[in-house]
Amino acid sequence: MSRSDIRLALPSKGVLAEETLDLLSRAGLGVYKTNPRQYMATIPSLPGVTVLFQRAGDIAVSVHDGTVDFGITGWDMVAEKSDNGAVLPLLPELGYGFCSLNVIVPESWERTRRMTDLPAVQAELGRPLRVATKFLKVTQAFFEQHGLTEVQFIPAEGTLEIAPTIGYSDFIVDLVSSGVTLRDNRLRILDDGQILQSQATLIANRAVLQSRPEVLTIARQLIEFIVAHLRAIDNVAIFANMRGETPQVIGELMFQQKVIGGLQGPTISPIITRNGGCDGSSWYAVNIIVRKDQLAQAIAELRAIGGSGVIVNPVSYIFEEEPAEYTQMLKQLQNAE
């Protein structure tokens, strides 16, 4: 059944939900809920977009099926729940929700360090190994890549760490963030047992993007504002006064330094001083963008060439002429046609 609305699915609970709402708010795409218990909301800066709140796994399924146009969920869920290229990753690295999917064995398996050690365990047990996981598809593919086909995959939900202890399975495949829970339950990751790395990802339904121009427009807005914000958060804007002969001379001095050259170059404009320059001096205002981790060096470099009155401000957005991520999305859509 065709529909005319545009839908964005977001995680309904947990840390991923909180961090997603925080990112959208900081990117100027704040979500508005009339009632905190409702599972629908709006984004005032994107009129016509309906926000739906779903479980992380359901988001991947909904975008894959086309019942939802866009979604933000973990890459682990996208890898497990979608296939056939129906889901197009728009922004695969949103910078939060980090975890990894790993093969995890009991600490008592002292001689089992790598995937190639598992056949020896199987021979010792005299039966196929049993692995419990919520990620059957990607787990089975990973084991097949390692030539391990005599394995029983047990679908499981909830807490998996207890499964080997109670005999539900021999070992598990599960998501790991800090690793503290594994150590508490006397489990460890195989040295080469990482199946995938995951973080929050913005995805879209490929077919909808190709068939509905209005959805493509929203895709651009989502990409534009999120990318501009992610690009900005690691930077600061610096304003400084500088005495010099001409903007060109000041610019050359700045280019000779390591970090105060700006993105394309500094913006340098004349300052109208109170005495009108009667003392023969010329003052200019210098504006540049630098990385936060280079702030101390930038201030030192500015002072070294005569900078004073340095002001530092946070940066909310850095917009480019055309986001590379949007251009890449268009290429992927064209290649699929």
C-alpha atoms as a PDB file:
ATOM      1  CA  MET A   1       0.000   0.000   0.000  1.00  0.00           C
ATOM      2  CA  SER A   2       1.452   3.363  -1.035  1.00  0.00           C
ATOM      3  CA  ARG A   3       1.720   6.255   1.411  1.00  0.00           C
ATOM      4  CA  SER A   4       2.579   9.931   1.172  1.00  0.00           C
ATOM      5  CA  ASP A   5       4.107  10.633   4.581  1.00  0.00           C
ATOM      6  CA  ILE A   6       7.831  10.552   5.364  1.00  0.00           C
ATOM      7  CA  ARG A   7       8.924   8.475   8.350  1.00  0.00           C
ATOM      8  CA  LEU A   8      12.049   8.468  10.496  1.00  0.00           C
ATOM      9  CA  ALA A   9      12.456   5.688  13.086  1.00  0.00           C
ATOM     10  CA  LEU A  10      14.522   6.301  16.222  1.00  0.00           C
ATOM     11  CA  PRO A  11      15.480   3.984  19.117  1.00  0.00           C
ATOM     12  CA  SER A  12      12.761   3.896  21.749  1.00  0.00           C
ATOM     13  CA  LYS A  13      14.838   3.313  24.875  1.00  0.00           C
ATOM     14  CA  GLY A  14      18.289   2.969  26.362  1.00  0.00           C
ATOM     15  CA  VAL A  15      21.535   4.863  25.923  1.00  0.00           C
ATOM     16  CA  LEU A  16      21.270   4.681  22.129  1.00  0.00           C
ATOM     17  CA  ALA A  17      17.906   6.460  22.289  1.00  0.00           C
ATOM     18  CA  GLU A  18      19.244   9.206  24.574  1.00  0.00           C
ATOM     19  CA  GLU A  19      22.354   9.823  22.500  1.00  0.00           C
ATOM     20  CA  THR A  20      20.342   9.874  19.260  1.00  0.00           C
ATOM     21  CA  LEU A  21      17.976  12.547  20.554  1.00  0.00           C
ATOM     22  CA  ASP A  22      20.961  14.511  21.854  1.00  0.00           C
ATOM     23  CA  LEU A  23      22.724  14.402  18.470  1.00  0.00           C
ATOM     24  CA  LEU A  24      19.623  15.493  16.569  1.00  0.00           C
ATOM     25  CA  SER A  25      19.025  18.338  19.006  1.00  0.00           C
ATOM     26  CA  ARG A  26      22.610  19.597  18.694  1.00  0.00           C
ATOM     27  CA  ALA A  27      22.352  19.340  14.907  1.00  0.00           C
ATOM     28  CA  GLY A  28      19.278  21.591  14.838  1.00  0.00           C
ATOM     29  CA  LEU A  29      16.894  18.675  14.287  1.00  0.00           C
ATOM     30  CA  GLY A  30      15.346  18.510  17.746  1.00  0.00           C
ATOM     31  CA  VAL A  31      12.524  16.008  18.234  1.00  0.00           C
ATOM     32  CA  TYR A  32       9.276  17.280  19.767  1.00  0.00           C
ATOM     33  CA  LYS A  33       6.984  14.942  21.737  1.00  0.00           C
ATOM     34  CA  THR A  34       3.670  16.166  23.088  1.00  0.00           C
ATOM     35  CA  ASN A  35       3.641  13.241  25.522  1.00  0.00           C
ATOM     36  CA  PRO A  36       6.750  11.353  26.713  1.00  0.00           C
ATOM     37  CA  ARG A  37       4.829   8.060  26.545  1.00  0.00           C
ATOM     38  CA  GLN A  38       3.870   8.492  22.900  1.00  0.00           C
ATOM     39  CA  TYR A  39       5.616   6.517  20.185  1.00  0.00           C
ATOM     40  CA  MET A  40       5.216   9.261  17.597  1.00  0.00           C
ATOM     41  CA  ALA A  41       6.775  12.723  17.426  1.00  0.00           C
ATOM     42  CA  THR A  42       7.773  15.493  15.023  1.00  0.00           C
ATOM     43  CA  ILE A  43      10.865  17.477  14.072  1.00  0.00           C
ATOM     44  CA  PRO A  44       9.781  21.136  13.795  1.00  0.00           C
ATOM     45  CA  SER A  45      12.687  21.965  11.469  1.00  0.00           C
ATOM     46  CA  LEU A  46      11.611  19.142   9.113  1.00  0.00           C
ATOM     47  CA  PRO A  47       7.870  19.711   8.536  1.00  0.00           C
ATOM     48  CA  GLY A  48       6.129  16.674   7.124  1.00  0.00           C
ATOM     49  CA  VAL A  49       8.456  14.133   8.769  1.00  0.00           C
ATOM     50  CA  THR A  50       6.874  11.768  11.288  1.00  0.00           C
ATOM     51  CA  VAL A  51       9.164  10.331  13.947  1.00  0.00           C
ATOM     52  CA  LEU A  52       8.445   6.800  15.141  1.00  0.00           C
ATOM     53  CA  PHE A  53      10.110   5.162  18.155  1.00  0.00           C
ATOM     54  CA  GLN A  54      10.981   1.482  17.782  1.00  0.00           C
ATOM     55  CA  ARG A  55      13.384  -1.119  19.103  1.00  0.00           C
ATOM     56  CA  ALA A  56      16.798  -0.985  17.461  1.00  0.00           C
ATOM     57  CA  GLY A  57      16.298  -4.271  15.612  1.00  0.00           C
ATOM     58  CA  ASP A  58      12.825  -3.317  14.423  1.00  0.00           C
ATOM     59  CA  ILE A  59      14.197  -0.101  12.915  1.00  0.00           C
ATOM     60  CA  ALA A  60      16.474  -2.047  10.574  1.00  0.00           C
ATOM     61  CA  VAL A  61      13.574  -4.307   9.567  1.00  0.00           C
ATOM     62  CA  SER A  62      11.178  -1.398   9.001  1.00  0.00           C
ATOM     63  CA  VAL A  63      13.648   0.472   6.787  1.00  0.00           C
ATOM     64  CA  HIS A  64      14.448  -2.737   4.910  1.00  0.00           C
ATOM     65  CA  ASP A  65      10.738  -3.389   4.264  1.00  0.00           C
ATOM     66  CA  GLY A  66      10.027   0.221   3.312  1.00  0.00           C
ATOM     67  CA  THR A  67       7.419   0.808   6.012  1.00  0.00           C
ATOM     68  CA  VAL A  68       9.849   3.469   7.315  1.00  0.00           C
ATOM     69  CA  ASP A  69      11.957   5.704   5.071  1.00  0.00           C
ATOM     70  CA  PHE A  70      14.835   6.562   7.411  1.00  0.00           C
ATOM     71  CA  GLY A  71      16.188   5.148  10.629  1.00  0.00           C
ATOM     72  CA  ILE A  72      18.970   5.567  13.154  1.00  0.00           C
ATOM     73  CA  THR A  73      20.096   2.317  14.730  1.00  0.00           C
ATOM     74  CA  GLY A  74      23.254   0.302  15.383  1.00  0.00           C
ATOM     75  CA  TRP A  75      25.207  -1.058  12.439  1.00  0.00           C
ATOM     76  CA  ASP A  76      25.052  -4.499  14.098  1.00  0.00           C
ATOM     77  CA  MET A  77      21.285  -4.494  13.600  1.00  0.00           C
ATOM     78  CA  VAL A  78      21.578  -3.375   9.992  1.00  0.00           C
ATOM     79  CA  ALA A  79      24.057  -6.167   9.238  1.00  0.00           C
ATOM     80  CA  GLU A  80      21.835  -8.793  10.866  1.00  0.00           C
ATOM     81  CA  LYS A  81      18.358  -7.685   9.823  1.00  0.00           C
ATOM     82  CA  SER A  82      18.787  -6.420   6.245  1.00  0.00           C
ATOM     83  CA  ASP A  83      20.058  -7.854   2.981  1.00  0.00           C
ATOM     84  CA  ASN A  84      19.785  -7.587  -0.822  1.00  0.00           C
ATOM     85  CA  GLY A  85      20.873  -3.945  -0.758  1.00  0.00           C
ATOM     86  CA  ALA A  86      17.429  -2.725   0.308  1.00  0.00           C
ATOM     87  CA  VAL A  87      18.975  -0.576   3.052  1.00  0.00           C
ATOM     88  CA  LEU A  88      21.332   2.233   2.059  1.00  0.00           C
ATOM     89  CA  PRO A  89      23.671   3.558   4.783  1.00  0.00           C
ATOM     90  CA  LEU A  90      23.630   7.351   4.544  1.00  0.00           C
ATOM     91  CA  LEU A  91      25.912   8.142   7.488  1.00  0.00           C
ATOM     92  CA  PRO A  92      27.488   4.915   8.778  1.00  0.00           C
ATOM     93  CA  GLU A  93      29.537   6.609  11.524  1.00  0.00           C
ATOM     94  CA  LEU A  94      27.546   8.919  13.781  1.00  0.00           C
ATOM     95  CA  GLY A  95      30.148   8.737  16.528  1.00  0.00           C
ATOM     96  CA  TYR A  96      28.307   7.045  19.403  1.00  0.00           C
ATOM     97  CA  GLY A  97      26.826   3.676  20.354  1.00  0.00           C
ATOM     98  CA  PHE A  98      30.177   1.940  19.955  1.00  0.00           C
ATOM     99  CA  CYS A  99      30.372  -1.814  20.468  1.00  0.00           C
ATOM    100  CA  SER A 100      31.647  -4.929  18.709  1.00  0.00           C
ATOM    101  CA  LEU A 101      30.213  -8.380  17.995  1.00  0.00           C
ATOM    102  CA  ASN A 102      32.566 -11.108  19.160  1.00  0.00           C
ATOM    103  CA  VAL A 103      33.029 -14.835  19.634  1.00  0.00           C
ATOM    104  CA  ILE A 104      33.216 -15.309  23.411  1.00  0.00           C
ATOM    105  CA  VAL A 105      34.384 -18.460  25.196  1.00  0.00           C
ATOM    106  CA  PRO A 106      34.756 -19.511  28.852  1.00  0.00           C
ATOM    107  CA  GLU A 107      38.038 -18.561  30.519  1.00  0.00           C
ATOM    108  CA  SER A 108      38.473 -22.249  31.377  1.00  0.00           C
ATOM    109  CA  TRP A 109      39.165 -22.939  27.669  1.00  0.00           C
ATOM    110  CA  GLU A 110      42.791 -21.995  28.263  1.00  0.00           C
ATOM    111  CA  ARG A 111      44.163 -23.492  25.031  1.00  0.00           C
ATOM    112  CA  THR A 112      41.424 -21.949  22.880  1.00  0.00           C
ATOM    113  CA  ARG A 113      42.715 -18.580  21.707  1.00  0.00           C
ATOM    114  CA  ARG A 114      41.754 -18.378  18.041  1.00  0.00           C
ATOM    115  CA  MET A 115      39.015 -19.605  15.712  1.00  0.00           C
ATOM    116  CA  THR A 116      41.367 -22.324  14.444  1.00  0.00           C
ATOM    117  CA  ASP A 117      41.411 -23.810  17.964  1.00  0.00           C
ATOM    118  CA  LEU A 118      37.675 -24.542  17.996  1.00  0.00           C
ATOM    119  CA  PRO A 119      37.833 -27.835  16.009  1.00  0.00           C
ATOM    120  CA  ALA A 120      40.032 -29.284  18.771  1.00  0.00           C
ATOM    121  CA  VAL A 121      37.366 -28.404  21.338  1.00  0.00           C
ATOM    122  CA  GLN A 122      34.737 -30.005  19.131  1.00  0.00           C
ATOM    123  CA  ALA A 123      36.798 -33.182  18.789  1.00  0.00           C
ATOM    124  CA  GLU A 124      37.246 -33.324  22.552  1.00  0.00           C
ATOM    125  CA  LEU A 125      33.506 -32.962  23.132  1.00  0.00           C
ATOM    126  CA  GLY A 126      32.697 -35.508  20.437  1.00  0.00           C
ATOM    127  CA  ARG A 127      29.774 -33.470  19.089  1.00  0.00           C
ATOM    128  CA  PRO A 128      29.053 -30.227  17.228  1.00  0.00           C
ATOM    129  CA  LEU A 129      29.809 -27.072  19.165  1.00  0.00           C
ATOM    130  CA  ARG A 130      26.787 -25.100  20.378  1.00  0.00           C
ATOM    131  CA  VAL A 131      26.874 -21.307  20.186  1.00  0.00           C
ATOM    132  CA  ALA A 132      24.097 -19.059  21.521  1.00  0.00           C
ATOM    133  CA  THR A 133      23.561 -15.696  19.844  1.00  0.00           C
ATOM    134  CA  LYS A 134      21.040 -13.046  18.861  1.00  0.00           C
ATOM    135  CA  PHE A 135      22.900 -12.571  15.564  1.00  0.00           C
ATOM    136  CA  LEU A 136      22.345 -15.805  13.686  1.00  0.00           C
ATOM    137  CA  LYS A 137      22.919 -14.520  10.138  1.00  0.00           C
ATOM    138  CA  VAL A 138      26.238 -12.740  10.591  1.00  0.00           C
ATOM    139  CA  THR A 139      27.491 -15.352  13.065  1.00  0.00           C
ATOM    140  CA  GLN A 140      26.832 -18.237  10.694  1.00  0.00           C
ATOM    141  CA  ALA A 141      28.517 -16.376   7.832  1.00  0.00           C
ATOM    142  CA  PHE A 142      31.569 -15.674  10.030  1.00  0.00           C
ATOM    143  CA  PHE A 143      31.930 -19.306  11.047  1.00  0.00           C
ATOM    144  CA  GLU A 144      31.580 -20.455   7.427  1.00  0.00           C
ATOM    145  CA  GLN A 145      34.381 -18.064   6.448  1.00  0.00           C
ATOM    146  CA  HIS A 146      36.570 -19.888   8.946  1.00  0.00           C
ATOM    147  CA  GLY A 147      35.559 -23.298   7.609  1.00  0.00           C
ATOM    148  CA  LEU A 148      33.532 -24.193  10.699  1.00  0.00           C
ATOM    149  CA  THR A 149      30.327 -25.761   9.402  1.00  0.00           C
ATOM    150  CA  GLU A 150      29.691 -28.380  12.096  1.00  0.00           C
ATOM    151  CA  VAL A 151      28.281 -25.887  14.556  1.00  0.00           C
ATOM    152  CA  GLN A 152      24.830 -25.692  16.146  1.00  0.00           C
ATOM    153  CA  PHE A 153      23.560 -22.111  16.281  1.00  0.00           C
ATOM    154  CA  ILE A 154      21.102 -21.511  19.100  1.00  0.00           C
ATOM    155  CA  PRO A 155      18.866 -18.424  18.859  1.00  0.00           C
ATOM    156  CA  ALA A 156      18.775 -16.594  22.160  1.00  0.00           C
ATOM    157  CA  GLU A 157      17.443 -13.381  23.661  1.00  0.00           C
ATOM    158  CA  GLY A 158      18.161 -11.576  26.865  1.00  0.00           C
ATOM    159  CA  THR A 159      21.355 -12.088  28.877  1.00  0.00           C
ATOM    160  CA  LEU A 160      23.688 -14.541  27.155  1.00  0.00           C
ATOM    161  CA  GLU A 161      26.640 -14.487  29.567  1.00  0.00           C
ATOM    162  CA  ILE A 162      25.047 -17.185  31.740  1.00  0.00           C
ATOM    163  CA  ALA A 163      24.449 -19.595  28.830  1.00  0.00           C
ATOM    164  CA  PRO A 164      27.784 -21.509  29.026  1.00  0.00           C
ATOM    165  CA  THR A 165      27.542 -21.785  32.824  1.00  0.00           C
ATOM    166  CA  ILE A 166      24.102 -23.396  32.792  1.00  0.00           C
ATOM    167  CA  GLY A 167      24.896 -25.604  29.798  1.00  0.00           C
ATOM    168  CA  TYR A 168      22.534 -23.881  27.388  1.00  0.00           C
ATOM    169  CA  SER A 169      25.472 -23.494  24.999  1.00  0.00           C
ATOM    170  CA  ASP A 170      29.218 -24.095  24.913  1.00  0.00           C
ATOM    171  CA  PHE A 171      30.042 -20.466  24.141  1.00  0.00           C
ATOM    172  CA  ILE A 172      28.343 -17.331  22.844  1.00  0.00           C
ATOM    173  CA  VAL A 173      28.505 -14.608  20.214  1.00  0.00           C
ATOM    174  CA  ASP A 174      27.426 -11.270  21.644  1.00  0.00           C
ATOM    175  CA  LEU A 175      27.991  -7.525  21.664  1.00  0.00           C
ATOM    176  CA  VAL A 176      30.768  -6.136  23.840  1.00  0.00           C
ATOM    177  CA  SER A 177      31.324  -2.534  24.850  1.00  0.00           C
ATOM    178  CA  SER A 178      33.496  -2.304  27.969  1.00  0.00           C
ATOM    179  CA  GLY A 179      34.136  -6.019  28.583  1.00  0.00           C
ATOM    180  CA  VAL A 180      33.435  -5.732  32.321  1.00  0.00           C
ATOM    181  CA  THR A 181      30.440  -8.099  32.183  1.00  0.00           C
ATOM    182  CA  LEU A 182      32.544 -10.719  30.421  1.00  0.00           C
ATOM    183  CA  ARG A 183      35.228 -10.615  33.093  1.00  0.00           C
ATOM    184  CA  ASP A 184      32.616 -10.811  35.846  1.00  0.00           C
ATOM    185  CA  ASN A 185      31.221 -13.988  34.244  1.00  0.00           C
ATOM    186  CA  ARG A 186      34.658 -15.490  33.507  1.00  0.00           C
ATOM    187  CA  LEU A 187      34.389 -15.182  29.757  1.00  0.00           C
ATOM    188  CA  ARG A 188      36.832 -13.815  27.178  1.00  0.00           C
ATOM    189  CA  ILE A 189      36.945 -12.878  23.497  1.00  0.00           C
ATOM    190  CA  LEU A 190      38.910 -14.998  21.028  1.00  0.00           C
ATOM    191  CA  ASP A 191      41.921 -13.119  19.665  1.00  0.00           C
ATOM    192  CA  ASP A 192      40.528 -13.186  16.105  1.00  0.00           C
ATOM    193  CA  GLY A 193      36.879 -13.494  17.108  1.00  0.00           C
ATOM    194  CA  GLN A 194      35.628 -10.023  16.258  1.00  0.00           C
ATOM    195  CA  ILE A 195      32.810 -10.370  13.726  1.00  0.00           C
ATOM    196  CA  LEU A 196      32.054  -6.672  13.254  1.00  0.00           C
ATOM    197  CA  GLN A 197      32.398  -3.246  14.811  1.00  0.00           C
ATOM    198  CA  SER A 198      29.265  -1.220  15.338  1.00  0.00           C
ATOM    199  CA  GLN A 199      28.127   2.307  16.065  1.00  0.00           C
ATOM    200  CA  ALA A 200      25.010   4.370  15.461  1.00  0.00           C
ATOM    201  CA  THR A 201      24.156   4.662  11.756  1.00  0.00           C
ATOM    202  CA  LEU A 202      21.705   6.693   9.670  1.00  0.00           C
ATOM    203  CA  ILE A 203      20.060   4.450   7.068  1.00  0.00           C
ATOM    204  CA  ALA A 204      17.385   4.803   4.388  1.00  0.00           C
ATOM    205  CA  ASN A 205      15.308   2.597   2.129  1.00  0.00           C
ATOM    206  CA  ARG A 206      17.033   2.572  -1.261  1.00  0.00           C
ATOM    207  CA  ALA A 207      13.885   2.056  -3.367  1.00  0.00           C
ATOM    208  CA  VAL A 208      12.045   4.913  -1.649  1.00  0.00           C
ATOM    209  CA  LEU A 209      14.934   7.298  -2.293  1.00  0.00           C
ATOM    210  CA  GLN A 210      14.836   6.351  -5.970  1.00  0.00           C
ATOM    211  CA  SER A 211      11.077   6.726  -6.365  1.00  0.00           C
ATOM    212  CA  ARG A 212      10.116   9.677  -4.162  1.00  0.00           C
ATOM    213  CA  PRO A 213      11.887  13.031  -4.750  1.00  0.00           C
ATOM    214  CA  GLU A 214      10.467  14.496  -1.541  1.00  0.00           C
ATOM    215  CA  VAL A 215      12.188  11.750   0.468  1.00  0.00           C
ATOM    216  CA  LEU A 216      15.443  12.475  -1.332  1.00  0.00           C
ATOM    217  CA  THR A 217      15.081  16.120  -0.284  1.00  0.00           C
ATOM    218  CA  ILE A 218      14.733  15.099   3.362  1.00  0.00           C
ATOM    219  CA  ALA A 219      17.750  12.812   2.974  1.00  0.00           C
ATOM    220  CA  ARG A 220      19.819  15.789   1.906  1.00  0.00           C
ATOM    221  CA  GLN A 221      18.641  17.877   4.859  1.00  0.00           C
ATOM    222  CA  LEU A 222      19.396  15.105   7.349  1.00  0.00           C
ATOM    223  CA  ILE A 223      22.846  14.526   5.879  1.00  0.00           C
ATOM    224  CA  GLU A 224      23.585  18.243   5.546  1.00  0.00           C
ATOM    225  CA  PHE A 225      22.840  19.218   9.136  1.00  0.00           C
ATOM    226  CA  ILE A 226      24.229  16.120  10.839  1.00  0.00           C
ATOM    227  CA  VAL A 227      27.473  16.186   8.835  1.00  0.00           C
ATOM    228  CA  ALA A 228      27.885  19.935   9.359  1.00  0.00           C
ATOM    229  CA  HIS A 229      27.505  19.455  13.106  1.00  0.00           C
ATOM    230  CA  LEU A 230      29.784  16.407  13.323  1.00  0.00           C
ATOM    231  CA  ARG A 231      32.408  18.325  11.377  1.00  0.00           C
ATOM    232  CA  ALA A 232      32.098  21.275  13.740  1.00  0.00           C
ATOM    233  CA  ILE A 233      32.133  19.652  17.177  1.00  0.00           C
ATOM    234  CA  ASP A 234      35.876  18.996  17.140  1.00  0.00           C
ATOM    235  CA  ASN A 235      36.654  22.599  16.172  1.00  0.00           C
ATOM    236  CA  VAL A 236      36.565  26.084  17.673  1.00  0.00           C
ATOM    237  CA  ALA A 237      36.380  29.538  16.115  1.00  0.00           C
ATOM    238  CA  ILE A 238      39.179  31.940  17.045  1.00  0.00           C
ATOM    239  CA  PHE A 239      38.989  35.718  16.714  1.00  0.00           C
ATOM    240  CA  ALA A 240      42.101  37.794  17.316  1.00  0.00           C
ATOM    241  CA  ASN A 241      43.396  41.322  16.757  1.00  0.00           C
ATOM    242  CA  MET A 242      46.595  41.616  14.768  1.00  0.00           C
ATOM    243  CA  ARG A 243      48.874  44.549  13.986  1.00  0.00           C
ATOM    244  CA  GLY A 244      50.349  44.420  10.481  1.00  0.00           C
ATOM    245  CA  GLU A 245      51.075  46.228   7.267  1.00  0.00           C
ATOM    246  CA  THR A 246      48.468  44.525   5.052  1.00  0.00           C
ATOM    247  CA  PRO A 247      46.134  41.489   5.206  1.00  0.00           C
ATOM    248  CA  GLN A 248      48.450  39.727   2.752  1.00  0.00           C
ATOM    249  CA  VAL A 249      51.468  40.165   5.020  1.00  0.00           C
ATOM    250  CA  ILE A 250      49.540  38.884   8.036  1.00  0.00           C
ATOM    251  CA  GLY A 251      48.232  35.966   6.008  1.00  0.00           C
ATOM    252  CA  GLU A 252      51.741  34.967   4.964  1.00  0.00           C
ATOM    253  CA  LEU A 253      52.877  35.037   8.590  1.00  0.00           C
ATOM    254  CA  MET A 254      49.959  32.801   9.550  1.00  0.00           C
ATOM    255  CA  PHE A 255      50.654  30.325   6.744  1.00  0.00           C
ATOM    256  CA  GLN A 256      54.193  29.960   8.067  1.00  0.00           C
ATOM    257  CA  GLN A 257      52.772  28.576  11.319  1.00  0.00           C
ATOM    258  CA  LYS A 258      51.570  24.973  11.751  1.00  0.00           C
ATOM    259  CA  VAL A 259      47.911  25.218  12.810  1.00  0.00           C
ATOM    260  CA  ILE A 260      46.552  28.755  12.267  1.00  0.00           C
ATOM    261  CA  GLY A 261      46.122  28.632   8.497  1.00  0.00           C
ATOM    262  CA  GLY A 262      42.352  28.102   8.809  1.00  0.00           C
ATOM    263  CA  LEU A 263      40.200  25.758   6.706  1.00  0.00           C
ATOM    264  CA  GLN A 264      40.885  27.378   3.334  1.00  0.00           C
ATOM    265  CA  GLY A 265      42.748  30.316   4.854  1.00  0.00           C
ATOM    266  CA  PRO A 266      42.212  33.033   7.470  1.00  0.00           C
ATOM    267  CA  THR A 267      39.603  35.765   7.158  1.00  0.00           C
ATOM    268  CA  ILE A 268      41.353  39.090   7.731  1.00  0.00           C
ATOM    269  CA  SER A 269      39.498  42.411   7.851  1.00  0.00           C
ATOM    270  CA  PRO A 270      40.525  45.949   8.901  1.00  0.00           C
ATOM    271  CA  ILE A 271      39.665  47.303  12.334  1.00  0.00           C
ATOM    272  CA  ILE A 272      38.535  50.916  12.614  1.00  0.00           C
ATOM    273  CA  THR A 273      40.516  52.122  15.638  1.00  0.00           C
ATOM    274  CA  ARG A 274      39.488  54.967  17.918  1.00  0.00           C
ATOM    275  CA  ASN A 275      42.329  57.237  16.805  1.00  0.00           C
ATOM    276  CA  GLY A 276      41.654  56.463  13.145  1.00  0.00           C
ATOM    277  CA  GLY A 277      45.138  55.072  12.685  1.00  0.00           C
ATOM    278  CA  CYS A 278      46.776  58.434  13.423  1.00  0.00           C
ATOM    279  CA  ASP A 279      49.660  56.676  15.146  1.00  0.00           C
ATOM    280  CA  GLY A 280      50.563  55.029  11.840  1.00  0.00           C
ATOM    281  CA  SER A 281      49.571  51.534  12.962  1.00  0.00           C
ATOM    282  CA  SER A 282      47.184  49.247  11.132  1.00  0.00           C
ATOM    283  CA  TRP A 283      45.053  46.732  13.010  1.00  0.00           C
ATOM    284  CA  TYR A 284      43.188  43.802  11.568  1.00  0.00           C
ATOM    285  CA  ALA A 285      40.699  41.227  12.856  1.00  0.00           C
ATOM    286  CA  VAL A 286      41.669  37.627  12.135  1.00  0.00           C
ATOM    287  CA  ASN A 287      39.086  34.817  12.076  1.00  0.00           C
ATOM    288  CA  ILE A 288      40.100  31.143  11.815  1.00  0.00           C
ATOM    289  CA  ILE A 289      38.802  27.659  12.605  1.00  0.00           C
ATOM    290  CA  VAL A 290      41.126  25.222  14.401  1.00  0.00           C
ATOM    291  CA  ARG A 291      40.755  21.823  16.014  1.00  0.00           C
ATOM    292  CA  LYS A 292      40.068  21.810  19.750  1.00  0.00           C
ATOM    293  CA  ASP A 293      43.121  19.692  20.438  1.00  0.00           C
ATOM    294  CA  GLN A 294      45.279  22.325  18.727  1.00  0.00           C
ATOM    295  CA  LEU A 295      43.864  25.308  20.619  1.00  0.00           C
ATOM    296  CA  ALA A 296      46.846  25.887  22.919  1.00  0.00           C
ATOM    297  CA  GLN A 297      49.266  25.746  20.000  1.00  0.00           C
ATOM    298  CA  ALA A 298      47.058  28.077  17.936  1.00  0.00           C
ATOM    299  CA  ILE A 299      47.021  30.711  20.682  1.00  0.00           C
ATOM    300  CA  ALA A 300      50.788  30.455  21.058  1.00  0.00           C
ATOM    301  CA  GLU A 301      51.276  30.845  17.299  1.00  0.00           C
ATOM    302  CA  LEU A 302      48.975  33.880  17.155  1.00  0.00           C
ATOM    303  CA  ARG A 303      50.842  35.543  20.011  1.00  0.00           C
ATOM    304  CA  ALA A 304      54.166  34.783  18.338  1.00  0.00           C
ATOM    305  CA  ILE A 305      53.206  36.872  15.292  1.00  0.00           C
ATOM    306  CA  GLY A 306      51.593  39.723  17.207  1.00  0.00           C
ATOM    307  CA  GLY A 307      48.077  38.504  17.941  1.00  0.00           C
ATOM    308  CA  SER A 308      46.166  39.847  20.952  1.00  0.00           C
ATOM    309  CA  GLY A 309      42.652  39.987  22.349  1.00  0.00           C
ATOM    310  CA  VAL A 310      42.103  36.330  21.411  1.00  0.00           C
ATOM    311  CA  ILE A 311      38.482  35.137  21.707  1.00  0.00           C
ATOM    312  CA  VAL A 312      37.491  31.461  21.370  1.00  0.00           C
ATOM    313  CA  ASN A 313      33.940  30.308  20.573  1.00  0.00           C
ATOM    314  CA  PRO A 314      32.399  26.860  20.011  1.00  0.00           C
ATOM    315  CA  VAL A 315      31.316  25.976  16.477  1.00  0.00           C
ATOM    316  CA  SER A 316      27.883  24.432  15.862  1.00  0.00           C
ATOM    317  CA  TYR A 317      28.096  23.808  12.110  1.00  0.00           C
ATOM    318  CA  ILE A 318      30.605  23.813   9.290  1.00  0.00           C
ATOM    319  CA  PHE A 319      28.717  23.618   5.999  1.00  0.00           C
ATOM    320  CA  GLU A 320      30.516  22.728   2.786  1.00  0.00           C
ATOM    321  CA  GLU A 321      29.304  23.585  -0.729  1.00  0.00           C
ATOM    322  CA  GLU A 322      28.055  20.003  -1.153  1.00  0.00           C
ATOM    323  CA  PRO A 323      28.390  17.291   1.503  1.00  0.00           C
ATOM    324  CA  ALA A 324      30.551  14.478   0.148  1.00  0.00           C
ATOM    325  CA  GLU A 325      28.219  12.017   1.873  1.00  0.00           C
ATOM    326  CA  TYR A 326      25.254  13.287  -0.137  1.00  0.00           C
ATOM    327  CA  THR A 327      27.197  13.046  -3.396  1.00  0.00           C
ATOM    328  CA  GLN A 328      28.195   9.498  -2.485  1.00  0.00           C
ATOM    329  CA  MET A 329      24.549   8.615  -1.811  1.00  0.00           C
ATOM    330  CA  LEU A 330      23.515   9.882  -5.263  1.00  0.00           C
ATOM    331  CA  LYS A 331      26.242   7.809  -6.902  1.00  0.00           C
ATOM    332  CA  GLN A 332      25.106   4.683  -5.096  1.00  0.00           C
ATOM    333  CA  LEU A 333      21.519   5.268  -6.158  1.00  0.00           C
ATOM    334  CA  GLN A 334      22.562   5.791  -9.790  1.00  0.00           C
ATOM    335  CA  ASN A 335      24.733   2.676  -9.815  1.00  0.00           C
ATOM    336  CA  ALA A 336      21.817   0.598  -8.583  1.00  0.00           C
ATOM    337  CA  GLU A 337      19.545   1.639 -11.428  1.00  0.00           C
END
